[in-house]
């Protein structure tokens, strides 16, 4: 297992770059400490943000939505 996530165009931090961390242990610790994720997407009416419960298993995040 790689120790860091590969930096790509779709995951590269653009703001507050000094706070960015791609280390898997750090990212996993942050995710494991939380319970709710705010998932944003765009619809015809405009952007929507929905709070969802989540869980993580290895590198996979599971979202719970109704």
Protein backbone atom coordinates (compact mmCIF):
# COMPACT_ATOMS: atom_id res chain seq x y z
CA UNK A 1 0.00 0.00 0.00
CA UNK A 2 1.26 3.43 -0.89
CA UNK A 3 1.84 5.76 2.02
CA UNK A 4 0.50 8.84 0.22
CA UNK A 5 -2.31 9.51 -2.20
CA UNK A 6 -1.15 10.42 -5.68
CA UNK A 7 -1.74 14.10 -6.41
CA UNK A 8 -3.98 14.43 -9.45
CA UNK A 9 -5.93 17.22 -11.07
CA UNK A 10 -9.17 16.19 -9.31
CA UNK A 11 -7.72 15.96 -5.78
CA UNK A 12 -5.09 18.71 -5.77
CA UNK A 13 -5.71 21.31 -3.07
CA UNK A 14 -6.00 24.78 -4.57
CA UNK A 15 -6.64 26.88 -1.45
CA UNK A 16 -4.72 26.78 1.82
CA UNK A 17 -2.06 24.62 0.18
CA UNK A 18 0.11 24.75 3.29
CA UNK A 19 -2.57 22.77 5.15
CA UNK A 20 -2.88 20.08 2.46
CA UNK A 21 -1.86 16.57 3.42
CA UNK A 22 -1.88 13.55 1.13
CA UNK A 23 -0.52 11.10 3.71
CA UNK A 24 -2.94 8.17 3.96
CA UNK A 25 -2.59 7.81 7.73
CA UNK A 26 -3.51 11.46 8.25
CA UNK A 27 -6.42 11.36 5.79
CA UNK A 28 -7.75 8.13 7.31
CA UNK A 29 -7.50 9.52 10.84
CA UNK A 30 -9.52 12.59 9.84
CA UNK A 31 -12.17 10.45 8.14
CA UNK A 32 -12.32 7.98 11.03
CA UNK A 33 -12.88 10.81 13.52
CA UNK A 34 -15.95 12.03 11.63
CA UNK A 35 -19.43 10.72 11.01
CA UNK A 36 -21.17 13.17 8.68
CA UNK A 37 -20.00 14.34 5.26
CA UNK A 38 -21.55 17.22 3.36
CA UNK A 39 -21.84 16.05 -0.24
CA UNK A 40 -22.36 18.71 -2.90
CA UNK A 41 -23.66 18.25 -6.41
CA UNK A 42 -25.20 20.39 -9.10
CA UNK A 43 -28.79 20.11 -10.32
CA UNK A 44 -30.84 22.17 -12.75
CA UNK A 45 -32.08 24.34 -9.86
CA UNK A 46 -28.52 24.99 -8.70
CA UNK A 47 -26.02 23.47 -6.30
CA UNK A 48 -27.29 21.20 -3.52
CA UNK A 49 -25.43 20.15 -0.36
CA UNK A 50 -26.71 17.08 1.49
CA UNK A 51 -25.39 15.87 4.85
CA UNK A 52 -24.77 12.11 4.73
CA UNK A 53 -23.43 9.54 7.16
CA UNK A 54 -20.27 7.86 5.96
CA UNK A 55 -17.90 5.08 6.83
CA UNK A 56 -14.53 4.01 5.53
CA UNK A 57 -12.99 0.64 4.80
CA UNK A 58 -9.38 0.89 3.61
CA UNK A 59 -9.44 3.35 0.68
CA UNK A 60 -13.20 3.12 0.07
CA UNK A 61 -15.71 5.58 1.51
CA UNK A 62 -19.30 4.40 1.90
CA UNK A 63 -22.07 7.00 1.92
CA UNK A 64 -25.45 6.36 3.52
CA UNK A 65 -28.33 8.12 1.87
CA UNK A 66 -32.07 7.62 1.75
